[in-house]
Protein backbone atom coordinates (compact mmCIF):
# COMPACT_ATOMS: atom_id res chain seq x y z
CA MET A 1 302.99 -73.79 156.50
CA ILE A 2 299.23 -73.85 156.79
CA LYS A 3 296.33 -73.95 154.35
CA ASP A 4 295.81 -70.77 152.47
CA ASP A 5 292.85 -68.67 153.41
CA PRO A 6 289.92 -69.93 151.10
CA ARG A 7 288.50 -66.31 150.96
CA TYR A 8 291.81 -65.16 149.23
CA VAL A 9 291.64 -67.86 146.75
CA GLN A 10 288.05 -67.17 146.05
CA PHE A 11 288.31 -63.48 145.53
CA ARG A 12 291.44 -63.97 143.42
CA PHE A 13 289.42 -66.21 141.21
CA ARG A 14 286.65 -63.71 140.90
CA SER A 15 289.05 -60.90 139.97
CA PHE A 16 290.28 -63.07 136.95
CA MET A 17 286.80 -64.10 136.00
CA TYR A 18 285.42 -60.50 135.99
CA PHE A 19 288.47 -59.44 133.99
CA GLY A 20 287.74 -61.97 131.55
CA ILE A 21 284.15 -61.04 131.11
CA VAL A 22 285.07 -57.38 130.71
CA PHE A 23 287.71 -58.18 127.98
CA LEU A 24 285.03 -60.21 126.16
CA ILE A 25 282.50 -57.50 126.27
CA LEU A 26 284.97 -54.87 125.20
CA PHE A 27 286.16 -57.12 122.37
CA ALA A 28 282.55 -57.60 121.14
CA LEU A 29 281.99 -53.82 121.44
CA LEU A 30 285.05 -53.02 119.34
CA GLN A 31 283.83 -55.55 116.69
CA SER A 32 280.55 -53.60 116.52
CA LEU A 33 282.08 -50.28 116.21
CA VAL A 34 284.11 -51.38 113.24
CA SER A 35 280.97 -52.80 111.57
CA ALA A 36 279.25 -50.63 109.18
CA ASN A 37 275.95 -51.58 110.71
CA ALA A 38 276.88 -50.56 114.22
CA ASP A 39 274.11 -48.73 116.15
CA LEU A 40 275.46 -46.44 118.84
CA ASP A 41 272.07 -46.40 120.64
CA GLN A 42 272.21 -50.23 120.92
CA LEU A 43 275.72 -50.13 122.31
CA ILE A 44 274.73 -48.11 125.36
CA PRO A 45 273.50 -51.28 127.26
CA VAL A 46 276.74 -52.98 126.35
CA LEU A 47 278.70 -50.12 127.84
CA ILE A 48 276.64 -50.19 131.09
CA MET A 49 277.24 -53.79 131.39
CA ALA A 50 281.04 -53.54 130.81
CA THR A 51 281.12 -50.79 133.35
CA TYR A 52 279.34 -52.91 136.04
CA PHE A 53 281.68 -55.95 135.52
CA ALA A 54 284.71 -53.49 135.56
CA LEU A 55 283.46 -52.24 138.85
CA MET A 56 282.98 -55.81 140.29
CA ASP A 57 286.39 -56.60 139.13
CA GLY A 58 287.88 -53.65 140.93
CA VAL A 59 286.10 -54.66 144.26
CA ALA A 60 287.21 -58.31 143.87
CA ILE A 61 290.79 -57.21 143.25
CA PHE A 62 290.80 -54.79 146.29
CA VAL A 63 289.39 -57.65 148.57
CA ALA A 64 291.80 -60.17 147.15
CA LEU A 65 294.76 -57.87 148.10
CA ARG A 66 293.33 -57.58 151.53
CA PHE A 67 292.94 -61.10 152.06
CA LYS A 68 296.38 -61.69 150.56
CA ALA A 69 297.93 -59.47 153.16
CA ILE A 70 296.08 -61.41 155.91
CA ASN A 71 297.14 -64.58 154.43
CA LEU A 72 300.90 -63.60 154.55
CA ARG A 73 300.41 -62.77 158.27
CA ARG A 74 298.73 -66.11 158.85
CA GLN A 75 301.57 -67.94 157.35
CA ALA A 76 304.18 -65.89 159.28
CA ALA A 77 302.22 -66.55 162.62
CA ALA A 78 302.24 -70.26 162.10
CA GLY A 79 305.83 -70.54 160.96
CA ARG A 80 309.09 -69.06 162.04
CA GLY A 81 307.99 -65.48 161.80
CA GLY A 82 305.40 -65.83 164.71
CA LEU A 83 307.48 -63.58 166.83
CA LEU A 84 306.77 -60.73 164.39
CA ILE A 85 303.00 -61.17 164.66
CA PRO A 86 301.44 -59.59 167.92
CA LEU A 87 299.54 -61.75 170.17
CA ALA A 88 295.92 -60.82 171.24
CA ALA A 89 295.75 -58.32 174.03
CA ALA A 90 293.22 -60.54 176.05
CA GLN A 91 294.43 -64.23 175.91
CA PRO A 92 291.96 -66.94 176.87
CA ILE A 93 292.75 -68.93 180.06
CA PRO A 94 293.23 -72.61 178.95
CA ASN A 95 290.68 -74.74 180.66
CA ASP A 96 290.18 -78.21 179.30
CA ALA A 97 286.87 -78.53 181.32
CA ALA A 98 285.28 -75.18 180.28
CA LEU A 99 282.63 -77.05 178.29
CA PRO A 100 281.08 -80.59 178.64
CA LEU A 101 282.06 -82.32 175.36
CA PRO A 102 280.70 -82.71 172.77
CA PHE A 103 279.29 -79.33 172.95
CA THR A 104 277.40 -77.28 170.17
CA ILE A 105 276.95 -73.45 169.86
CA THR A 106 274.27 -72.65 167.37
CA LEU A 107 273.43 -69.52 165.42
CA GLY A 108 270.15 -69.27 163.60
CA PRO A 109 268.87 -67.06 160.58
CA GLY A 110 267.68 -63.59 161.12
CA ARG A 111 264.61 -63.74 158.97
CA GLY A 112 263.61 -60.06 159.11
CA ARG A 113 266.88 -58.76 158.16
CA SER A 114 267.32 -61.32 155.20
CA PHE A 115 263.95 -60.37 153.86
CA ALA A 116 264.94 -56.47 154.08
CA ILE A 117 268.20 -57.15 152.44
CA GLY A 118 266.58 -59.19 149.59
CA GLY A 119 263.80 -56.51 149.04
CA GLY A 120 266.66 -53.69 148.94
CA LEU A 121 269.07 -55.41 146.60
CA SER A 122 266.05 -56.44 144.24
CA LEU A 123 265.42 -52.75 143.75
CA LEU A 124 268.49 -52.79 141.46
CA PHE A 125 266.53 -54.38 138.70
CA PRO A 126 263.87 -51.55 138.16
CA LEU A 127 266.70 -48.97 138.54
CA ALA A 128 268.64 -50.54 135.84
CA PHE A 129 265.64 -50.89 133.81
CA LEU A 130 264.77 -47.16 134.31
CA LEU A 131 268.27 -46.36 133.15
CA LEU A 132 267.90 -48.40 130.01
CA THR A 133 264.51 -46.88 129.38
CA PHE A 134 265.91 -43.30 129.18
CA THR A 135 268.89 -44.25 127.16
CA SER A 136 267.24 -46.53 124.65
CA GLY A 137 264.17 -44.34 123.78
CA LEU A 138 261.44 -46.46 125.45
CA ASP A 139 260.35 -43.39 127.27
CA SER A 140 259.29 -41.65 124.03
CA PRO A 141 255.56 -40.83 123.65
CA GLY A 142 255.20 -43.46 120.73
CA ASN A 143 256.51 -46.31 122.90
CA LEU A 144 254.97 -45.76 126.39
CA ASN A 145 251.53 -47.33 125.53
CA THR A 146 252.56 -50.24 123.35
CA THR A 147 251.86 -53.77 124.36
CA PHE A 148 255.62 -54.58 124.26
CA THR A 149 256.42 -51.82 126.97
CA ILE A 150 253.61 -52.90 129.25
CA THR A 151 254.80 -56.48 128.98
CA LEU A 152 258.43 -55.57 129.61
CA TYR A 153 257.36 -53.50 132.67
CA ALA A 154 255.49 -56.67 134.04
CA LEU A 155 258.45 -58.80 133.39
CA ILE A 156 260.83 -56.40 135.25
CA LEU A 157 258.19 -56.44 138.12
CA GLY A 158 258.27 -60.23 138.17
CA ILE A 159 262.03 -60.41 138.16
CA THR A 160 262.37 -58.00 140.96
CA ILE A 161 259.96 -59.92 143.10
CA GLY A 162 261.56 -63.25 142.16
CA PHE A 163 265.10 -61.85 142.93
CA ALA A 164 263.89 -60.48 146.26
CA ILE A 165 262.47 -63.98 147.30
CA LEU A 166 265.59 -65.78 145.95
CA ILE A 167 268.17 -63.58 147.97
CA SER A 168 266.06 -63.75 151.06
CA VAL A 169 265.86 -67.59 150.93
CA VAL A 170 269.69 -67.81 150.18
CA LEU A 171 270.38 -65.58 153.18
CA ILE A 172 268.00 -67.58 155.46
CA TRP A 173 269.44 -70.93 154.01
CA THR A 174 272.98 -69.86 154.78
CA GLY A 175 272.10 -68.27 158.13
CA HIS A 176 272.75 -71.53 160.02
CA GLN A 177 275.91 -72.22 161.77
CA GLN A 178 276.91 -74.72 164.24
CA ILE A 179 280.23 -74.89 166.11
CA THR A 180 280.77 -78.25 167.62
CA ALA A 181 283.65 -79.11 169.94
CA THR A 182 284.55 -82.73 170.77
CA GLU A 183 287.35 -84.63 172.41
CA GLU A 184 289.20 -84.86 168.84
CA GLU A 185 288.20 -81.91 167.00
CA LEU A 186 286.45 -78.49 166.29
CA THR A 187 283.84 -78.58 163.48
CA VAL A 188 281.95 -75.73 162.04
CA ARG A 189 278.79 -76.44 159.94
CA GLN A 190 277.63 -73.44 157.76
CA GLY A 191 274.84 -74.08 155.30
CA THR A 192 275.85 -77.09 153.40
CA ARG A 193 279.54 -76.60 154.15
CA ILE A 194 281.66 -78.38 156.90
CA TYR A 195 284.91 -77.21 158.07
CA HIS A 196 286.96 -79.09 160.71
CA THR A 197 290.35 -79.05 162.52
CA SER A 198 291.59 -81.57 164.79
CA TRP A 199 293.23 -80.40 167.95
CA ARG A 200 296.52 -82.35 167.23
CA GLU A 201 296.79 -80.94 163.68
CA ALA A 202 296.09 -77.22 164.69
CA ARG A 203 299.00 -74.80 163.94
CA LEU A 204 297.35 -71.49 164.16
CA PHE A 205 294.77 -69.91 166.62
CA ALA A 206 294.15 -66.30 165.66
CA ILE A 207 291.69 -63.27 165.54
CA THR A 208 291.44 -62.68 161.82
CA ARG A 209 289.18 -60.19 159.96
CA SER A 210 286.60 -59.96 157.09
CA VAL A 211 286.73 -57.06 154.62
CA LYS A 212 286.46 -54.59 157.45
CA ARG A 213 289.61 -53.94 159.52
CA THR A 214 288.00 -53.48 162.90
CA GLY A 215 284.58 -53.68 164.43
CA PRO A 216 282.15 -56.28 165.31
CA PRO A 217 281.74 -59.20 164.91
CA THR A 218 284.92 -61.05 165.68
CA PHE A 219 286.29 -63.75 163.43
CA TYR A 220 288.54 -66.46 164.91
CA GLU A 221 290.30 -69.14 162.96
CA LEU A 222 291.74 -72.41 163.71
CA SER A 223 293.91 -73.80 160.95
CA GLY A 224 296.36 -76.73 160.21
CA ALA A 225 298.46 -77.74 157.14
CA ALA A 226 295.42 -79.02 155.32
CA THR A 227 292.42 -77.45 157.23
CA PHE A 228 290.85 -73.99 157.81
CA THR A 229 288.09 -73.42 160.13
CA LEU A 230 286.49 -70.00 160.72
CA LEU A 231 284.36 -69.14 163.66
CA ILE A 232 282.01 -66.02 163.84
CA ARG A 233 281.26 -64.41 167.14
CA LEU A 234 278.43 -62.10 167.06
CA ARG A 235 278.38 -58.96 169.05
CA GLN A 236 275.25 -57.56 170.61
CA GLY A 237 273.87 -54.69 168.68
CA THR A 238 275.60 -55.15 165.37
CA LEU A 239 273.91 -55.50 162.09
CA PHE A 240 276.59 -57.68 160.43
CA PRO A 241 276.37 -60.39 159.42
CA PRO A 242 272.54 -59.70 158.77
CA ASN A 243 271.57 -63.41 158.56
CA PHE A 244 272.79 -64.67 161.94
CA LYS A 245 271.52 -64.46 165.37
CA PRO A 246 272.19 -66.68 168.54
CA ALA A 247 269.73 -69.29 169.31
CA LEU A 248 270.15 -68.30 173.08
CA PRO A 249 270.05 -64.83 174.81
CA PHE A 250 273.25 -62.92 174.28
CA ASP A 251 274.56 -63.24 177.85
CA GLU A 252 274.65 -67.03 177.59
CA TYR A 253 275.92 -66.89 174.17
CA ASP A 254 278.92 -64.86 175.06
CA ARG A 255 279.64 -67.15 178.15
CA GLN A 256 279.71 -70.15 175.88
CA MET A 257 281.94 -68.40 173.35
CA ASP A 258 284.42 -67.39 176.05
CA ALA A 259 284.36 -70.97 177.35
CA LEU A 260 284.98 -72.33 173.81
CA LEU A 261 288.07 -70.11 173.37
CA SER A 262 289.25 -71.38 176.70
CA LEU A 263 288.72 -74.98 175.45
CA ILE A 264 290.61 -74.33 172.25
CA ALA A 265 293.54 -72.76 174.07
CA ALA A 266 293.72 -75.87 176.20
CA LYS A 267 293.18 -78.50 173.63
CA THR A 268 295.80 -77.07 171.18
CA GLY A 269 298.23 -75.25 173.46
CA LEU A 270 298.46 -72.34 170.95
CA PRO A 271 298.48 -68.74 171.92
CA LEU A 272 295.94 -66.54 170.27
CA TYR A 273 297.46 -64.21 167.58
CA ASP A 274 295.88 -60.88 166.39
CA LEU A 275 296.08 -60.71 162.62
CA ARG A 276 294.14 -57.41 162.37
């Protein structure tokens, strides 16, 4: 047995959380409908909110099921069912001297892409506001020129700009990854999180996947009974993940990643499985 994929645990928790939020919203909506003072126009924003969280719950359930399937394959590869899981077509050649130890491979933030994504996602606020405007009657001639409406538009604009800055800063902050190999272990630092797996405790070396089944970048994992370490290998020309870019030219970065895989194979003695 190896440690469960934290992404599976995370999305499973999110699915339960979103379901609870939808349940509470629908319960409050039902209470309002049975009330004699219920105003159907005021319930429209509540329905929109319930629909949003229901969609988020559906996405979380879908992703959790995908990661659950991967987790079962991970456990099989690390246990007695390893013969049923295919090995990667290209196996790294074990080489204990592939890199001078300790050695660090660094990914830095892609600031341009981060700001572009922050600006794009922030547009959801004015779009949601326009939808509420048309459904709540704020677009009527009597309301368009009121001080309240002008203040509300200014507030939405401020929230939009603030949200764009917040997302951009978070993407830039989390766009730092350091993969460090030493004589004893492999350590990955991503943002404020640190993952490490010692060579002696490693039980699984595999190509895994994110939400997408195939395509760049390549995700590798090195896991033990109580550890899970995920490595992201970027591919030239891909836009995902948008907040990462190599600190070196891509040719040198690829050479270092190939050498790292050879070092992992030599230090752990494990074959490279393909869980995709």
